[in-house]
Amino acid sequence: MAGKLQQRIDKIEAKGALLAERFVMLRQAKRQADEQIADMEATIAGLHRTIEDLNRQIEYLKVATVLTPDHRDVEETRAILSELVREIDKCINQLSI
């Protein structure tokens, strides 16, 4: 009877040691997984910032493309400025008289 009891105790001790060993392994695996998750989250955050910067650059390029004058616009602007300069000259002449 004492032999059977000792065998049971030995089996329970072995199972307890095995469970403790598995627990340590699982805890290490969880720690590694948590570190990997933190690294991936940091990478994702960096990629989101990069995407935002690139989207902003795309918007700037779209605006710059829309604002780029063509040859006709440049000629019209020069004509308007020339007319304004002539009017300013007339006003200066009238004030000096």
PDB file of N, CA and C in Angstrom:
ATOM      1  N   MET A   1       0.828  -1.190   0.000  1.00  0.00           N
ATOM      2  CA  MET A   1       0.000   0.000   0.000  1.00  0.00           C
ATOM      3  C   MET A   1       0.872   1.252   0.000  1.00  0.00           C
ATOM      4  N   ALA A   2       1.897   1.254   0.825  1.00  0.00           N
ATOM      5  CA  ALA A   2       2.786   2.391   0.914  1.00  0.00           C
ATOM      6  C   ALA A   2       3.533   2.573  -0.398  1.00  0.00           C
ATOM      7  N   GLY A   3       3.826   1.436  -1.065  1.00  0.00           N
ATOM      8  CA  GLY A   3       4.515   1.509  -2.351  1.00  0.00           C
ATOM      9  C   GLY A   3       3.642   2.160  -3.405  1.00  0.00           C
ATOM     10  N   LYS A   4       2.360   1.817  -3.433  1.00  0.00           N
ATOM     11  CA  LYS A   4       1.437   2.415  -4.388  1.00  0.00           C
ATOM     12  C   LYS A   4       1.257   3.917  -4.122  1.00  0.00           C
ATOM     13  N   LEU A   5       1.184   4.241  -2.849  1.00  0.00           N
ATOM     14  CA  LEU A   5       1.030   5.651  -2.477  1.00  0.00           C
ATOM     15  C   LEU A   5       2.249   6.447  -2.911  1.00  0.00           C
ATOM     16  N   GLN A   6       3.429   5.867  -2.703  1.00  0.00           N
ATOM     17  CA  GLN A   6       4.661   6.537  -3.113  1.00  0.00           C
ATOM     18  C   GLN A   6       4.713   6.685  -4.635  1.00  0.00           C
ATOM     19  N   GLN A   7       4.237   5.661  -5.364  1.00  0.00           N
ATOM     20  CA  GLN A   7       4.203   5.739  -6.824  1.00  0.00           C
ATOM     21  C   GLN A   7       3.286   6.865  -7.289  1.00  0.00           C
ATOM     22  N   ARG A   8       2.130   6.966  -6.642  1.00  0.00           N
ATOM     23  CA  ARG A   8       1.193   8.046  -6.984  1.00  0.00           C
ATOM     24  C   ARG A   8       1.815   9.412  -6.714  1.00  0.00           C
ATOM     25  N   ILE A   9       2.469   9.543  -5.582  1.00  0.00           N
ATOM     26  CA  ILE A   9       3.121  10.809  -5.222  1.00  0.00           C
ATOM     27  C   ILE A   9       4.202  11.141  -6.251  1.00  0.00           C
ATOM     28  N   ASP A  10       4.971  10.126  -6.642  1.00  0.00           N
ATOM     29  CA  ASP A  10       6.026  10.345  -7.640  1.00  0.00           C
ATOM     30  C   ASP A  10       5.426  10.788  -8.982  1.00  0.00           C
ATOM     31  N   LYS A  11       4.310  10.142  -9.372  1.00  0.00           N
ATOM     32  CA  LYS A  11       3.642  10.519 -10.628  1.00  0.00           C
ATOM     33  C   LYS A  11       3.130  11.962 -10.560  1.00  0.00           C
ATOM     34  N   ILE A  12       2.536  12.302  -9.419  1.00  0.00           N
ATOM     35  CA  ILE A  12       2.004  13.663  -9.241  1.00  0.00           C
ATOM     36  C   ILE A  12       3.148  14.674  -9.271  1.00  0.00           C
ATOM     37  N   GLU A  13       4.276  14.354  -8.631  1.00  0.00           N
ATOM     38  CA  GLU A  13       5.434  15.243  -8.632  1.00  0.00           C
ATOM     39  C   GLU A  13       5.970  15.409 -10.059  1.00  0.00           C
ATOM     40  N   ALA A  14       6.011  14.317 -10.802  1.00  0.00           N
ATOM     41  CA  ALA A  14       6.504  14.378 -12.182  1.00  0.00           C
ATOM     42  C   ALA A  14       5.576  15.237 -13.040  1.00  0.00           C
ATOM     43  N   LYS A  15       4.286  15.036 -12.861  1.00  0.00           N
ATOM     44  CA  LYS A  15       3.321  15.839 -13.620  1.00  0.00           C
ATOM     45  C   LYS A  15       3.406  17.314 -13.222  1.00  0.00           C
ATOM     46  N   GLY A  16       3.590  17.581 -11.932  1.00  0.00           N
ATOM     47  CA  GLY A  16       3.738  18.962 -11.464  1.00  0.00           C
ATOM     48  C   GLY A  16       4.980  19.617 -12.056  1.00  0.00           C
ATOM     49  N   ALA A  17       6.073  18.848 -12.097  1.00  0.00           N
ATOM     50  CA  ALA A  17       7.315  19.382 -12.670  1.00  0.00           C
ATOM     51  C   ALA A  17       7.130  19.640 -14.164  1.00  0.00           C
ATOM     52  N   LEU A  18       6.444  18.721 -14.840  1.00  0.00           N
ATOM     53  CA  LEU A  18       6.181  18.897 -16.263  1.00  0.00           C
ATOM     54  C   LEU A  18       5.307  20.129 -16.509  1.00  0.00           C
ATOM     55  N   LEU A  19       4.286  20.296 -15.683  1.00  0.00           N
ATOM     56  CA  LEU A  19       3.414  21.471 -15.821  1.00  0.00           C
ATOM     57  C   LEU A  19       4.184  22.760 -15.565  1.00  0.00           C
ATOM     58  N   ALA A  20       5.053  22.758 -14.567  1.00  0.00           N
ATOM     59  CA  ALA A  20       5.856  23.950 -14.267  1.00  0.00           C
ATOM     60  C   ALA A  20       6.788  24.261 -15.434  1.00  0.00           C
ATOM     61  N   GLU A  21       7.371  23.224 -16.019  1.00  0.00           N
ATOM     62  CA  GLU A  21       8.260  23.400 -17.167  1.00  0.00           C
ATOM     63  C   GLU A  21       7.494  23.978 -18.366  1.00  0.00           C
ATOM     64  N   ARG A  22       6.324  23.417 -18.606  1.00  0.00           N
ATOM     65  CA  ARG A  22       5.488  23.922 -19.714  1.00  0.00           C
ATOM     66  C   ARG A  22       5.066  25.371 -19.465  1.00  0.00           C
ATOM     67  N   PHE A  23       4.758  25.678 -18.203  1.00  0.00           N
ATOM     68  CA  PHE A  23       4.357  27.045 -17.868  1.00  0.00           C
ATOM     69  C   PHE A  23       5.481  28.023 -18.170  1.00  0.00           C
ATOM     70  N   VAL A  24       6.702  27.675 -17.801  1.00  0.00           N
ATOM     71  CA  VAL A  24       7.859  28.536 -18.056  1.00  0.00           C
ATOM     72  C   VAL A  24       8.035  28.732 -19.562  1.00  0.00           C
ATOM     73  N   MET A  25       7.909  27.652 -20.319  1.00  0.00           N
ATOM     74  CA  MET A  25       8.055  27.739 -21.779  1.00  0.00           C
ATOM     75  C   MET A  25       6.978  28.634 -22.381  1.00  0.00           C
ATOM     76  N   LEU A  26       5.746  28.456 -21.922  1.00  0.00           N
ATOM     77  CA  LEU A  26       4.641  29.275 -22.435  1.00  0.00           C
ATOM     78  C   LEU A  26       4.815  30.741 -22.059  1.00  0.00           C
ATOM     79  N   ARG A  27       5.306  30.997 -20.856  1.00  0.00           N
ATOM     80  CA  ARG A  27       5.533  32.376 -20.429  1.00  0.00           C
ATOM     81  C   ARG A  27       6.612  33.031 -21.294  1.00  0.00           C
ATOM     82  N   GLN A  28       7.668  32.292 -21.617  1.00  0.00           N
ATOM     83  CA  GLN A  28       8.718  32.819 -22.492  1.00  0.00           C
ATOM     84  C   GLN A  28       8.176  33.077 -23.901  1.00  0.00           C
ATOM     85  N   ALA A  29       7.364  32.143 -24.401  1.00  0.00           N
ATOM     86  CA  ALA A  29       6.778  32.314 -25.730  1.00  0.00           C
ATOM     87  C   ALA A  29       5.863  33.532 -25.755  1.00  0.00           C
ATOM     88  N   LYS A  30       5.105  33.735 -24.677  1.00  0.00           N
ATOM     89  CA  LYS A  30       4.219  34.906 -24.606  1.00  0.00           C
ATOM     90  C   LYS A  30       5.026  36.190 -24.577  1.00  0.00           C
ATOM     91  N   ARG A  31       6.118  36.196 -23.818  1.00  0.00           N
ATOM     92  CA  ARG A  31       6.972  37.371 -23.738  1.00  0.00           C
ATOM     93  C   ARG A  31       7.549  37.708 -25.127  1.00  0.00           C
ATOM     94  N   GLN A  32       7.995  36.688 -25.838  1.00  0.00           N
ATOM     95  CA  GLN A  32       8.527  36.896 -27.184  1.00  0.00           C
ATOM     96  C   GLN A  32       7.436  37.413 -28.131  1.00  0.00           C
ATOM     97  N   ALA A  33       6.248  36.847 -28.014  1.00  0.00           N
ATOM     98  CA  ALA A  33       5.137  37.285 -28.861  1.00  0.00           C
ATOM     99  C   ALA A  33       4.763  38.735 -28.554  1.00  0.00           C
ATOM    100  N   ASP A  34       4.769  39.102 -27.283  1.00  0.00           N
ATOM    101  CA  ASP A  34       4.478  40.490 -26.904  1.00  0.00           C
ATOM    102  C   ASP A  34       5.514  41.451 -27.473  1.00  0.00           C
ATOM    103  N   GLU A  35       6.784  41.055 -27.434  1.00  0.00           N
ATOM    104  CA  GLU A  35       7.836  41.903 -28.005  1.00  0.00           C
ATOM    105  C   GLU A  35       7.664  42.040 -29.510  1.00  0.00           C
ATOM    106  N   GLN A  36       7.321  40.934 -30.144  1.00  0.00           N
ATOM    107  CA  GLN A  36       7.116  40.963 -31.597  1.00  0.00           C
ATOM    108  C   GLN A  36       5.918  41.846 -31.949  1.00  0.00           C
ATOM    109  N   ILE A  37       4.870  41.774 -31.165  1.00  0.00           N
ATOM    110  CA  ILE A  37       3.690  42.610 -31.394  1.00  0.00           C
ATOM    111  C   ILE A  37       4.053  44.081 -31.231  1.00  0.00           C
ATOM    112  N   ALA A  38       4.827  44.407 -30.188  1.00  0.00           N
ATOM    113  CA  ALA A  38       5.235  45.802 -29.973  1.00  0.00           C
ATOM    114  C   ALA A  38       6.070  46.299 -31.145  1.00  0.00           C
ATOM    115  N   ASP A  39       6.990  45.461 -31.638  1.00  0.00           N
ATOM    116  CA  ASP A  39       7.808  45.847 -32.799  1.00  0.00           C
ATOM    117  C   ASP A  39       6.936  46.083 -34.028  1.00  0.00           C
ATOM    118  N   MET A  40       5.989  45.185 -34.245  1.00  0.00           N
ATOM    119  CA  MET A  40       5.109  45.322 -35.411  1.00  0.00           C
ATOM    120  C   MET A  40       4.220  46.553 -35.302  1.00  0.00           C
ATOM    121  N   GLU A  41       3.748  46.852 -34.106  1.00  0.00           N
ATOM    122  CA  GLU A  41       2.928  48.047 -33.921  1.00  0.00           C
ATOM    123  C   GLU A  41       3.739  49.305 -34.200  1.00  0.00           C
ATOM    124  N   ALA A  42       5.004  49.307 -33.774  1.00  0.00           N
ATOM    125  CA  ALA A  42       5.870  50.456 -34.054  1.00  0.00           C
ATOM    126  C   ALA A  42       6.107  50.580 -35.553  1.00  0.00           C
ATOM    127  N   THR A  43       6.303  49.463 -36.215  1.00  0.00           N
ATOM    128  CA  THR A  43       6.492  49.477 -37.667  1.00  0.00           C
ATOM    129  C   THR A  43       5.245  49.992 -38.364  1.00  0.00           C
ATOM    130  N   ILE A  44       4.090  49.551 -37.922  1.00  0.00           N
ATOM    131  CA  ILE A  44       2.820  49.997 -38.513  1.00  0.00           C
ATOM    132  C   ILE A  44       2.649  51.495 -38.323  1.00  0.00           C
ATOM    133  N   ALA A  45       2.963  51.990 -37.131  1.00  0.00           N
ATOM    134  CA  ALA A  45       2.847  53.433 -36.871  1.00  0.00           C
ATOM    135  C   ALA A  45       3.771  54.215 -37.805  1.00  0.00           C
ATOM    136  N   GLY A  46       4.993  53.719 -37.977  1.00  0.00           N
ATOM    137  CA  GLY A  46       5.926  54.381 -38.890  1.00  0.00           C
ATOM    138  C   GLY A  46       5.421  54.363 -40.321  1.00  0.00           C
ATOM    139  N   LEU A  47       4.845  53.248 -40.729  1.00  0.00           N
ATOM    140  CA  LEU A  47       4.305  53.152 -42.087  1.00  0.00           C
ATOM    141  C   LEU A  47       3.106  54.078 -42.276  1.00  0.00           C
ATOM    142  N   HIS A  48       2.290  54.224 -41.237  1.00  0.00           N
ATOM    143  CA  HIS A  48       1.160  55.162 -41.328  1.00  0.00           C
ATOM    144  C   HIS A  48       1.667  56.593 -41.509  1.00  0.00           C
ATOM    145  N   ARG A  49       2.720  56.962 -40.767  1.00  0.00           N
ATOM    146  CA  ARG A  49       3.291  58.304 -40.925  1.00  0.00           C
ATOM    147  C   ARG A  49       3.839  58.492 -42.341  1.00  0.00           C
ATOM    148  N   THR A  50       4.494  57.467 -42.856  1.00  0.00           N
ATOM    149  CA  THR A  50       5.027  57.547 -44.212  1.00  0.00           C
ATOM    150  C   THR A  50       3.905  57.707 -45.225  1.00  0.00           C
ATOM    151  N   ILE A  51       2.841  56.962 -45.054  1.00  0.00           N
ATOM    152  CA  ILE A  51       1.689  57.068 -45.959  1.00  0.00           C
ATOM    153  C   ILE A  51       1.088  58.465 -45.903  1.00  0.00           C
ATOM    154  N   GLU A  52       0.954  59.017 -44.697  1.00  0.00           N
ATOM    155  CA  GLU A  52       0.411  60.369 -44.560  1.00  0.00           C
ATOM    156  C   GLU A  52       1.305  61.385 -45.264  1.00  0.00           C
ATOM    157  N   ASP A  53       2.624  61.251 -45.090  1.00  0.00           N
ATOM    158  CA  ASP A  53       3.558  62.164 -45.753  1.00  0.00           C
ATOM    159  C   ASP A  53       3.453  62.050 -47.267  1.00  0.00           C
ATOM    160  N   LEU A  54       3.375  60.830 -47.766  1.00  0.00           N
ATOM    161  CA  LEU A  54       3.268  60.632 -49.212  1.00  0.00           C
ATOM    162  C   LEU A  54       1.944  61.171 -49.750  1.00  0.00           C
ATOM    163  N   ASN A  55       0.865  60.974 -49.011  1.00  0.00           N
ATOM    164  CA  ASN A  55      -0.433  61.521 -49.441  1.00  0.00           C
ATOM    165  C   ASN A  55      -0.384  63.053 -49.471  1.00  0.00           C
ATOM    166  N   ARG A  56       0.291  63.649 -48.474  1.00  0.00           N
ATOM    167  CA  ARG A  56       0.427  65.095 -48.443  1.00  0.00           C
ATOM    168  C   ARG A  56       1.235  65.575 -49.651  1.00  0.00           C
ATOM    169  N   GLN A  57       2.299  64.859 -49.974  1.00  0.00           N
ATOM    170  CA  GLN A  57       3.104  65.220 -51.143  1.00  0.00           C
ATOM    171  C   GLN A  57       2.299  65.099 -52.424  1.00  0.00           C
ATOM    172  N   ILE A  58       1.463  64.076 -52.511  1.00  0.00           N
ATOM    173  CA  ILE A  58       0.600  63.920 -53.688  1.00  0.00           C
ATOM    174  C   ILE A  58      -0.330  65.116 -53.815  1.00  0.00           C
ATOM    175  N   GLU A  59      -0.914  65.544 -52.698  1.00  0.00           N
ATOM    176  CA  GLU A  59      -1.806  66.707 -52.737  1.00  0.00           C
ATOM    177  C   GLU A  59      -1.052  67.955 -53.175  1.00  0.00           C
ATOM    178  N   TYR A  60       0.162  68.149 -52.640  1.00  0.00           N
ATOM    179  CA  TYR A  60       0.961  69.304 -53.035  1.00  0.00           C
ATOM    180  C   TYR A  60       1.265  69.264 -54.528  1.00  0.00           C
ATOM    181  N   LEU A  61       1.599  68.090 -55.034  1.00  0.00           N
ATOM    182  CA  LEU A  61       1.897  67.970 -56.457  1.00  0.00           C
ATOM    183  C   LEU A  61       0.661  68.230 -57.303  1.00  0.00           C
ATOM    184  N   LYS A  62      -0.500  67.775 -56.833  1.00  0.00           N
ATOM    185  CA  LYS A  62      -1.738  68.038 -57.576  1.00  0.00           C
ATOM    186  C   LYS A  62      -2.009  69.539 -57.629  1.00  0.00           C
ATOM    187  N   VAL A  63      -1.837  70.206 -56.488  1.00  0.00           N
ATOM    188  CA  VAL A  63      -2.062  71.653 -56.442  1.00  0.00           C
ATOM    189  C   VAL A  63      -1.049  72.360 -57.331  1.00  0.00           C
ATOM    190  N   ALA A  64       0.203  71.950 -57.261  1.00  0.00           N
ATOM    191  CA  ALA A  64       1.241  72.589 -58.076  1.00  0.00           C
ATOM    192  C   ALA A  64       0.965  72.390 -59.555  1.00  0.00           C
ATOM    193  N   THR A  65       0.470  71.231 -59.925  1.00  0.00           N
ATOM    194  CA  THR A  65       0.157  70.965 -61.323  1.00  0.00           C
ATOM    195  C   THR A  65      -1.002  71.836 -61.789  1.00  0.00           C
ATOM    196  N   VAL A  66      -1.992  71.994 -60.923  1.00  0.00           N
ATOM    197  CA  VAL A  66      -3.150  72.823 -61.279  1.00  0.00           C
ATOM    198  C   VAL A  66      -2.731  74.285 -61.377  1.00  0.00           C
ATOM    199  N   LEU A  67      -1.823  74.725 -60.505  1.00  0.00           N
ATOM    200  CA  LEU A  67      -1.419  76.122 -60.473  1.00  0.00           C
ATOM    201  C   LEU A  67      -0.367  76.476 -61.513  1.00  0.00           C
ATOM    202  N   THR A  68       0.226  75.500 -62.140  1.00  0.00           N
ATOM    203  CA  THR A  68       1.250  75.781 -63.139  1.00  0.00           C
ATOM    204  C   THR A  68       0.594  76.458 -64.341  1.00  0.00           C
ATOM    205  N   PRO A  69       1.031  77.694 -64.640  1.00  0.00           N
ATOM    206  CA  PRO A  69       0.383  78.418 -65.735  1.00  0.00           C
ATOM    207  C   PRO A  69       0.855  77.893 -67.090  1.00  0.00           C
ATOM    208  N   ASP A  70      -0.046  77.994 -68.052  1.00  0.00           N
ATOM    209  CA  ASP A  70       0.376  77.650 -69.410  1.00  0.00           C
ATOM    210  C   ASP A  70       0.801  78.937 -70.120  1.00  0.00           C
ATOM    211  N   HIS A  71       1.222  78.839 -71.345  1.00  0.00           N
ATOM    212  CA  HIS A  71       1.771  79.980 -72.088  1.00  0.00           C
ATOM    213  C   HIS A  71       0.744  81.109 -72.238  1.00  0.00           C
ATOM    214  N   ARG A  72      -0.491  80.736 -72.479  1.00  0.00           N
ATOM    215  CA  ARG A  72      -1.551  81.735 -72.646  1.00  0.00           C
ATOM    216  C   ARG A  72      -1.767  82.534 -71.368  1.00  0.00           C
ATOM    217  N   ASP A  73      -1.776  81.849 -70.220  1.00  0.00           N
ATOM    218  CA  ASP A  73      -1.948  82.530 -68.937  1.00  0.00           C
ATOM    219  C   ASP A  73      -0.797  83.501 -68.670  1.00  0.00           C
ATOM    220  N   VAL A  74       0.406  83.107 -69.007  1.00  0.00           N
ATOM    221  CA  VAL A  74       1.565  83.974 -68.808  1.00  0.00           C
ATOM    222  C   VAL A  74       1.431  85.233 -69.658  1.00  0.00           C
ATOM    223  N   GLU A  75       1.039  85.094 -70.911  1.00  0.00           N
ATOM    224  CA  GLU A  75       0.872  86.244 -71.804  1.00  0.00           C
ATOM    225  C   GLU A  75      -0.235  87.169 -71.306  1.00  0.00           C
ATOM    226  N   GLU A  76      -1.349  86.593 -70.845  1.00  0.00           N
ATOM    227  CA  GLU A  76      -2.443  87.420 -70.316  1.00  0.00           C
ATOM    228  C   GLU A  76      -1.982  88.196 -69.086  1.00  0.00           C
ATOM    229  N   THR A  77      -1.245  87.537 -68.205  1.00  0.00           N
ATOM    230  CA  THR A  77      -0.758  88.197 -67.003  1.00  0.00           C
ATOM    231  C   THR A  77       0.204  89.322 -67.351  1.00  0.00           C
ATOM    232  N   ARG A  78       1.085  89.088 -68.306  1.00  0.00           N
ATOM    233  CA  ARG A  78       2.010  90.143 -68.729  1.00  0.00           C
ATOM    234  C   ARG A  78       1.254  91.331 -69.313  1.00  0.00           C
ATOM    235  N   ALA A  79       0.230  91.066 -70.096  1.00  0.00           N
ATOM    236  CA  ALA A  79      -0.557  92.147 -70.682  1.00  0.00           C
ATOM    237  C   ALA A  79      -1.254  92.958 -69.591  1.00  0.00           C
ATOM    238  N   ILE A  80      -1.820  92.268 -68.607  1.00  0.00           N
ATOM    239  CA  ILE A  80      -2.503  92.963 -67.507  1.00  0.00           C
ATOM    240  C   ILE A  80      -1.511  93.807 -66.721  1.00  0.00           C
ATOM    241  N   LEU A  81      -0.343  93.233 -66.421  1.00  0.00           N
ATOM    242  CA  LEU A  81       0.669  93.990 -65.675  1.00  0.00           C
ATOM    243  C   LEU A  81       1.164  95.193 -66.469  1.00  0.00           C
ATOM    244  N   SER A  82       1.343  95.030 -67.770  1.00  0.00           N
ATOM    245  CA  SER A  82       1.784  96.156 -68.601  1.00  0.00           C
ATOM    246  C   SER A  82       0.741  97.268 -68.583  1.00  0.00           C
ATOM    247  N   GLU A  83      -0.513  96.905 -68.679  1.00  0.00           N
ATOM    248  CA  GLU A  83      -1.589  97.901 -68.638  1.00  0.00           C
ATOM    249  C   GLU A  83      -1.604  98.610 -67.286  1.00  0.00           C
ATOM    250  N   LEU A  84      -1.417  97.868 -66.197  1.00  0.00           N
ATOM    251  CA  LEU A  84      -1.387  98.477 -64.867  1.00  0.00           C
ATOM    252  C   LEU A  84      -0.208  99.434 -64.733  1.00  0.00           C
ATOM    253  N   VAL A  85       0.948  99.059 -65.257  1.00  0.00           N
ATOM    254  CA  VAL A  85       2.118  99.932 -65.195  1.00  0.00           C
ATOM    255  C   VAL A  85       1.850 101.219 -65.978  1.00  0.00           C
ATOM    256  N   ARG A  86       1.205 101.138 -67.146  1.00  0.00           N
ATOM    257  CA  ARG A  86       0.866 102.337 -67.923  1.00  0.00           C
ATOM    258  C   ARG A  86      -0.081 103.240 -67.151  1.00  0.00           C
ATOM    259  N   GLU A  87      -1.077 102.650 -66.491  1.00  0.00           N
ATOM    260  CA  GLU A  87      -2.017 103.447 -65.715  1.00  0.00           C
ATOM    261  C   GLU A  87      -1.313 104.126 -64.544  1.00  0.00           C
ATOM    262  N   ILE A  88      -0.387 103.397 -63.873  1.00  0.00           N
ATOM    263  CA  ILE A  88       0.373 103.994 -62.772  1.00  0.00           C
ATOM    264  C   ILE A  88       1.221 105.148 -63.283  1.00  0.00           C
ATOM    265  N   ASP A  89       1.848 104.987 -64.445  1.00  0.00           N
ATOM    266  CA  ASP A  89       2.644 106.069 -65.049  1.00  0.00           C
ATOM    267  C   ASP A  89       1.767 107.287 -65.329  1.00  0.00           C
ATOM    268  N   LYS A  90       0.569 107.052 -65.847  1.00  0.00           N
ATOM    269  CA  LYS A  90      -0.352 108.174 -66.122  1.00  0.00           C
ATOM    270  C   LYS A  90      -0.683 108.896 -64.818  1.00  0.00           C
ATOM    271  N   CYS A  91      -0.968 108.118 -63.780  1.00  0.00           N
ATOM    272  CA  CYS A  91      -1.315 108.744 -62.498  1.00  0.00           C
ATOM    273  C   CYS A  91      -0.141 109.563 -61.952  1.00  0.00           C
ATOM    274  N   ILE A  92       1.052 109.040 -62.072  1.00  0.00           N
ATOM    275  CA  ILE A  92       2.240 109.757 -61.599  1.00  0.00           C
ATOM    276  C   ILE A  92       2.421 111.045 -62.392  1.00  0.00           C
ATOM    277  N   ASN A  93       2.215 110.989 -63.701  1.00  0.00           N
ATOM    278  CA  ASN A  93       2.329 112.189 -64.547  1.00  0.00           C
ATOM    279  C   ASN A  93       1.280 113.217 -64.141  1.00  0.00           C
ATOM    280  N   GLN A  94       0.055 112.783 -63.881  1.00  0.00           N
ATOM    281  CA  GLN A  94      -1.003 113.715 -63.517  1.00  0.00           C
ATOM    282  C   GLN A  94      -0.718 114.342 -62.148  1.00  0.00           C
ATOM    283  N   LEU A  95      -0.166 113.578 -61.234  1.00  0.00           N
ATOM    284  CA  LEU A  95       0.139 114.124 -59.914  1.00  0.00           C
ATOM    285  C   LEU A  95       1.310 115.106 -59.952  1.00  0.00           C
ATOM    286  N   SER A  96       2.224 114.891 -60.861  1.00  0.00           N
ATOM    287  CA  SER A  96       3.386 115.780 -60.942  1.00  0.00           C
ATOM    288  C   SER A  96       3.060 117.085 -61.673  1.00  0.00           C
ATOM    289  N   ILE A  97       1.934 117.169 -62.358  1.00  0.00           N
ATOM    290  CA  ILE A  97       1.564 118.393 -63.082  1.00  0.00           C
ATOM    291  C   ILE A  97       0.995 119.415 -62.131  1.00  0.00           C
TER     292      ILE A  97
END
